[in-house]
């Protein structure tokens, strides 16, 4: 037995193990577990969208452009002007109306109000209603905007 032990000690470990198994009656060498390689799976993206940063002042400038363009071309503003002219007895007049509003992400005006309310309340209310009905550039957040309307007779 001592001689077998000495012999096993001089052999490489794998051969010695095999000889011990053969001597002790092992039918097969012990199995060594090998890790199974798995393909790389990319982790899923988060289920929520990362909000983008929006330059509120740039969007406000775009909204003011819409106000300026519509002030010159909108039939609503022309109607408001004509109604006020009739109430005024056809006399020439000028009006400056400043409207403050919040434009929501969908491009609609909300919480609009007249900043310089004066003697032409019907004209102010008419223009305020027109402004609330317009569509503005869409965005990511509520955008505060002030639109100024300078109304003068054409002739």
C-alpha atoms as a PDB file:
ATOM      1  CA  UNK A   1       0.000   0.000   0.000  1.00  0.00           C
ATOM      2  CA  UNK A   2       2.830   2.342   0.845  1.00  0.00           C
ATOM      3  CA  UNK A   3       4.391   1.570  -2.490  1.00  0.00           C
ATOM      4  CA  UNK A   4       1.138   2.441  -4.305  1.00  0.00           C
ATOM      5  CA  UNK A   5       0.917   5.697  -2.374  1.00  0.00           C
ATOM      6  CA  UNK A   6       4.501   6.654  -3.266  1.00  0.00           C
ATOM      7  CA  UNK A   7       3.807   5.837  -6.880  1.00  0.00           C
ATOM      8  CA  UNK A   8       0.661   7.966  -6.944  1.00  0.00           C
ATOM      9  CA  UNK A   9       2.422  10.926  -5.365  1.00  0.00           C
ATOM     10  CA  UNK A  10       4.971  11.030  -8.198  1.00  0.00           C
ATOM     11  CA  UNK A  11       2.353  10.983 -10.984  1.00  0.00           C
ATOM     12  CA  UNK A  12       0.466  13.986 -12.293  1.00  0.00           C
ATOM     13  CA  UNK A  13      -2.780  14.586 -10.423  1.00  0.00           C
ATOM     14  CA  UNK A  14      -5.099  13.600 -13.273  1.00  0.00           C
ATOM     15  CA  UNK A  15      -3.364  10.244 -13.811  1.00  0.00           C
ATOM     16  CA  UNK A  16      -3.193   9.582 -10.066  1.00  0.00           C
ATOM     17  CA  UNK A  17      -6.913  10.244  -9.725  1.00  0.00           C
ATOM     18  CA  UNK A  18      -7.654   7.871 -12.565  1.00  0.00           C
ATOM     19  CA  UNK A  19      -5.520   5.146 -10.964  1.00  0.00           C
ATOM     20  CA  UNK A  20      -7.194   5.605  -7.587  1.00  0.00           C
ATOM     21  CA  UNK A  21     -10.575   5.258  -9.253  1.00  0.00           C
ATOM     22  CA  UNK A  22      -9.453   2.128 -11.055  1.00  0.00           C
ATOM     23  CA  UNK A  23      -8.039   0.665  -7.871  1.00  0.00           C
ATOM     24  CA  UNK A  24     -11.113   1.477  -5.800  1.00  0.00           C
ATOM     25  CA  UNK A  25     -13.607   0.393  -8.421  1.00  0.00           C
ATOM     26  CA  UNK A  26     -14.746   3.674  -9.963  1.00  0.00           C
ATOM     27  CA  UNK A  27     -16.499   2.961 -13.188  1.00  0.00           C
ATOM     28  CA  UNK A  28     -15.756   6.374 -14.686  1.00  0.00           C
ATOM     29  CA  UNK A  29     -13.769   9.423 -13.683  1.00  0.00           C
ATOM     30  CA  UNK A  30     -15.648  12.130 -11.787  1.00  0.00           C
ATOM     31  CA  UNK A  31     -17.278  14.691 -14.000  1.00  0.00           C
ATOM     32  CA  UNK A  32     -16.240  18.288 -13.731  1.00  0.00           C
ATOM     33  CA  UNK A  33     -19.005  20.821 -14.330  1.00  0.00           C
ATOM     34  CA  UNK A  34     -18.163  23.223 -17.115  1.00  0.00           C
ATOM     35  CA  UNK A  35     -20.001  26.494 -17.497  1.00  0.00           C
ATOM     36  CA  UNK A  36     -22.285  26.631 -20.494  1.00  0.00           C
ATOM     37  CA  UNK A  37     -21.559  29.663 -22.656  1.00  0.00           C
ATOM     38  CA  UNK A  38     -24.619  31.886 -23.162  1.00  0.00           C
ATOM     39  CA  UNK A  39     -25.111  34.534 -25.785  1.00  0.00           C
ATOM     40  CA  UNK A  40     -25.033  38.185 -24.648  1.00  0.00           C
ATOM     41  CA  UNK A  41     -28.501  39.590 -24.133  1.00  0.00           C
ATOM     42  CA  UNK A  42     -28.765  43.355 -24.243  1.00  0.00           C
ATOM     43  CA  UNK A  43     -30.749  44.683 -21.274  1.00  0.00           C
ATOM     44  CA  UNK A  44     -34.150  46.147 -22.131  1.00  0.00           C
ATOM     45  CA  UNK A  45     -34.562  49.898 -22.340  1.00  0.00           C
ATOM     46  CA  UNK A  46     -36.508  51.539 -19.508  1.00  0.00           C
ATOM     47  CA  UNK A  47     -40.271  51.550 -19.988  1.00  0.00           C
ATOM     48  CA  UNK A  48     -40.434  55.354 -19.685  1.00  0.00           C
ATOM     49  CA  UNK A  49     -39.256  58.075 -22.037  1.00  0.00           C
ATOM     50  CA  UNK A  50     -36.623  60.465 -20.863  1.00  0.00           C
ATOM     51  CA  UNK A  51     -38.056  63.954 -21.152  1.00  0.00           C
ATOM     52  CA  UNK A  52     -36.234  66.332 -23.436  1.00  0.00           C
ATOM     53  CA  UNK A  53     -35.128  69.753 -22.382  1.00  0.00           C
ATOM     54  CA  UNK A  54     -36.926  72.498 -24.225  1.00  0.00           C
ATOM     55  CA  UNK A  55     -35.851  76.087 -24.658  1.00  0.00           C
ATOM     56  CA  UNK A  56     -38.980  77.858 -23.461  1.00  0.00           C
ATOM     57  CA  UNK A  57     -37.907  81.241 -24.816  1.00  0.00           C
ATOM     58  CA  UNK A  58     -37.478  79.851 -28.348  1.00  0.00           C
ATOM     59  CA  UNK A  59     -40.929  78.292 -28.231  1.00  0.00           C
ATOM     60  CA  UNK A  60     -42.399  81.533 -26.860  1.00  0.00           C
ATOM     61  CA  UNK A  61     -40.839  83.393 -29.806  1.00  0.00           C
ATOM     62  CA  UNK A  62     -42.487  80.909 -32.204  1.00  0.00           C
ATOM     63  CA  UNK A  63     -45.854  81.444 -30.491  1.00  0.00           C
ATOM     64  CA  UNK A  64     -45.451  85.232 -30.792  1.00  0.00           C
ATOM     65  CA  UNK A  65     -44.798  84.780 -34.538  1.00  0.00           C
ATOM     66  CA  UNK A  66     -48.128  82.949 -34.798  1.00  0.00           C
ATOM     67  CA  UNK A  67     -49.838  85.833 -32.950  1.00  0.00           C
ATOM     68  CA  UNK A  68     -48.258  88.398 -35.291  1.00  0.00           C
ATOM     69  CA  UNK A  69     -49.188  86.479 -38.431  1.00  0.00           C
ATOM     70  CA  UNK A  70     -52.757  85.797 -37.272  1.00  0.00           C
ATOM     71  CA  UNK A  71     -53.228  89.421 -36.176  1.00  0.00           C
ATOM     72  CA  UNK A  72     -52.708  90.409 -39.817  1.00  0.00           C
ATOM     73  CA  UNK A  73     -54.584  87.566 -41.534  1.00  0.00           C
ATOM     74  CA  UNK A  74     -57.170  86.118 -39.154  1.00  0.00           C
ATOM     75  CA  UNK A  75     -60.822  86.753 -39.965  1.00  0.00           C
ATOM     76  CA  UNK A  76     -61.466  86.601 -36.206  1.00  0.00           C
ATOM     77  CA  UNK A  77     -59.371  89.722 -35.572  1.00  0.00           C
ATOM     78  CA  UNK A  78     -61.024  91.519 -38.508  1.00  0.00           C
ATOM     79  CA  UNK A  79     -64.449  90.641 -37.102  1.00  0.00           C
ATOM     80  CA  UNK A  80     -63.459  91.918 -33.644  1.00  0.00           C
ATOM     81  CA  UNK A  81     -62.188  95.167 -35.195  1.00  0.00           C
ATOM     82  CA  UNK A  82     -65.352  95.684 -37.248  1.00  0.00           C
ATOM     83  CA  UNK A  83     -67.617  95.078 -34.257  1.00  0.00           C
ATOM     84  CA  UNK A  84     -65.674  97.609 -32.179  1.00  0.00           C
ATOM     85  CA  UNK A  85     -65.743 100.086 -35.057  1.00  0.00           C
ATOM     86  CA  UNK A  86     -69.544  99.786 -35.224  1.00  0.00           C
ATOM     87  CA  UNK A  87     -69.827 100.295 -31.451  1.00  0.00           C
ATOM     88  CA  UNK A  88     -67.576 103.331 -31.848  1.00  0.00           C
ATOM     89  CA  UNK A  89     -69.869 104.879 -34.461  1.00  0.00           C
ATOM     90  CA  UNK A  90     -67.353 104.434 -37.293  1.00  0.00           C
ATOM     91  CA  UNK A  91     -64.818 106.764 -35.690  1.00  0.00           C
ATOM     92  CA  UNK A  92     -61.185 105.924 -36.233  1.00  0.00           C
ATOM     93  CA  UNK A  93     -59.409 104.539 -33.214  1.00  0.00           C
ATOM     94  CA  UNK A  94     -56.307 102.632 -32.216  1.00  0.00           C
ATOM     95  CA  UNK A  95     -55.981  99.927 -29.608  1.00  0.00           C
ATOM     96  CA  UNK A  96     -53.119  98.057 -27.990  1.00  0.00           C
ATOM     97  CA  UNK A  97     -54.115  94.783 -26.375  1.00  0.00           C
ATOM     98  CA  UNK A  98     -51.581  92.684 -24.486  1.00  0.00           C
ATOM     99  CA  UNK A  99     -52.556  89.090 -23.781  1.00  0.00           C
ATOM    100  CA  UNK A 100     -50.744  86.760 -21.410  1.00  0.00           C
ATOM    101  CA  UNK A 101     -51.273  83.025 -21.775  1.00  0.00           C
ATOM    102  CA  UNK A 102     -49.839  79.612 -21.122  1.00  0.00           C
ATOM    103  CA  UNK A 103     -49.464  77.395 -24.189  1.00  0.00           C
ATOM    104  CA  UNK A 104     -49.744  73.707 -23.298  1.00  0.00           C
ATOM    105  CA  UNK A 105     -47.633  70.934 -24.890  1.00  0.00           C
ATOM    106  CA  UNK A 106     -50.398  70.220 -27.427  1.00  0.00           C
ATOM    107  CA  UNK A 107     -50.189  73.802 -28.732  1.00  0.00           C
ATOM    108  CA  UNK A 108     -53.400  75.187 -27.221  1.00  0.00           C
ATOM    109  CA  UNK A 109     -53.736  78.395 -25.180  1.00  0.00           C
ATOM    110  CA  UNK A 110     -54.902  78.059 -21.618  1.00  0.00           C
ATOM    111  CA  UNK A 111     -55.237  80.528 -18.760  1.00  0.00           C
ATOM    112  CA  UNK A 112     -55.232  83.466 -21.181  1.00  0.00           C
ATOM    113  CA  UNK A 113     -55.965  86.931 -19.866  1.00  0.00           C
ATOM    114  CA  UNK A 114     -55.773  90.575 -20.955  1.00  0.00           C
ATOM    115  CA  UNK A 115     -52.932  92.401 -19.207  1.00  0.00           C
ATOM    116  CA  UNK A 116     -53.948  95.989 -19.969  1.00  0.00           C
ATOM    117  CA  UNK A 117     -57.702  95.920 -19.653  1.00  0.00           C
ATOM    118  CA  UNK A 118     -59.177  99.299 -20.482  1.00  0.00           C
ATOM    119  CA  UNK A 119     -62.232 100.937 -21.978  1.00  0.00           C
ATOM    120  CA  UNK A 120     -62.606  98.545 -24.930  1.00  0.00           C
ATOM    121  CA  UNK A 121     -63.695  95.480 -22.970  1.00  0.00           C
ATOM    122  CA  UNK A 122     -65.760  93.984 -25.801  1.00  0.00           C
ATOM    123  CA  UNK A 123     -62.816  94.216 -28.224  1.00  0.00           C
ATOM    124  CA  UNK A 124     -60.486  92.718 -25.591  1.00  0.00           C
ATOM    125  CA  UNK A 125     -62.883  89.831 -24.901  1.00  0.00           C
ATOM    126  CA  UNK A 126     -63.315  89.152 -28.629  1.00  0.00           C
ATOM    127  CA  UNK A 127     -59.566  89.039 -29.272  1.00  0.00           C
ATOM    128  CA  UNK A 128     -59.026  86.916 -26.159  1.00  0.00           C
ATOM    129  CA  UNK A 129     -61.529  84.345 -27.457  1.00  0.00           C
ATOM    130  CA  UNK A 130     -59.865  84.344 -30.890  1.00  0.00           C
ATOM    131  CA  UNK A 131     -56.423  83.770 -29.325  1.00  0.00           C
ATOM    132  CA  UNK A 132     -57.742  80.851 -27.260  1.00  0.00           C
ATOM    133  CA  UNK A 133     -58.993  79.160 -30.443  1.00  0.00           C
ATOM    134  CA  UNK A 134     -55.705  79.288 -32.379  1.00  0.00           C
ATOM    135  CA  UNK A 135     -53.172  76.474 -32.656  1.00  0.00           C
ATOM    136  CA  UNK A 136     -49.589  77.137 -31.629  1.00  0.00           C
ATOM    137  CA  UNK A 137     -46.318  75.175 -31.946  1.00  0.00           C
ATOM    138  CA  UNK A 138     -46.270  72.052 -29.804  1.00  0.00           C
ATOM    139  CA  UNK A 139     -43.644  71.446 -27.133  1.00  0.00           C
ATOM    140  CA  UNK A 140     -42.725  69.560 -23.995  1.00  0.00           C
ATOM    141  CA  UNK A 141     -43.981  71.868 -21.249  1.00  0.00           C
ATOM    142  CA  UNK A 142     -46.330  74.742 -20.508  1.00  0.00           C
ATOM    143  CA  UNK A 143     -44.856  77.882 -22.029  1.00  0.00           C
ATOM    144  CA  UNK A 144     -45.754  81.358 -20.766  1.00  0.00           C
ATOM    145  CA  UNK A 145     -46.174  83.871 -23.586  1.00  0.00           C
ATOM    146  CA  UNK A 146     -47.252  87.464 -23.997  1.00  0.00           C
ATOM    147  CA  UNK A 147     -48.732  88.494 -27.339  1.00  0.00           C
ATOM    148  CA  UNK A 148     -49.226  92.173 -28.152  1.00  0.00           C
ATOM    149  CA  UNK A 149     -51.823  93.344 -30.655  1.00  0.00           C
ATOM    150  CA  UNK A 150     -51.582  96.871 -32.089  1.00  0.00           C
ATOM    151  CA  UNK A 151     -54.824  97.611 -33.915  1.00  0.00           C
ATOM    152  CA  UNK A 152     -55.041 100.651 -36.196  1.00  0.00           C
ATOM    153  CA  UNK A 153     -57.286 101.662 -39.066  1.00  0.00           C
ATOM    154  CA  UNK A 154     -55.960 100.726 -42.502  1.00  0.00           C
ATOM    155  CA  UNK A 155     -56.582 104.146 -44.079  1.00  0.00           C
END
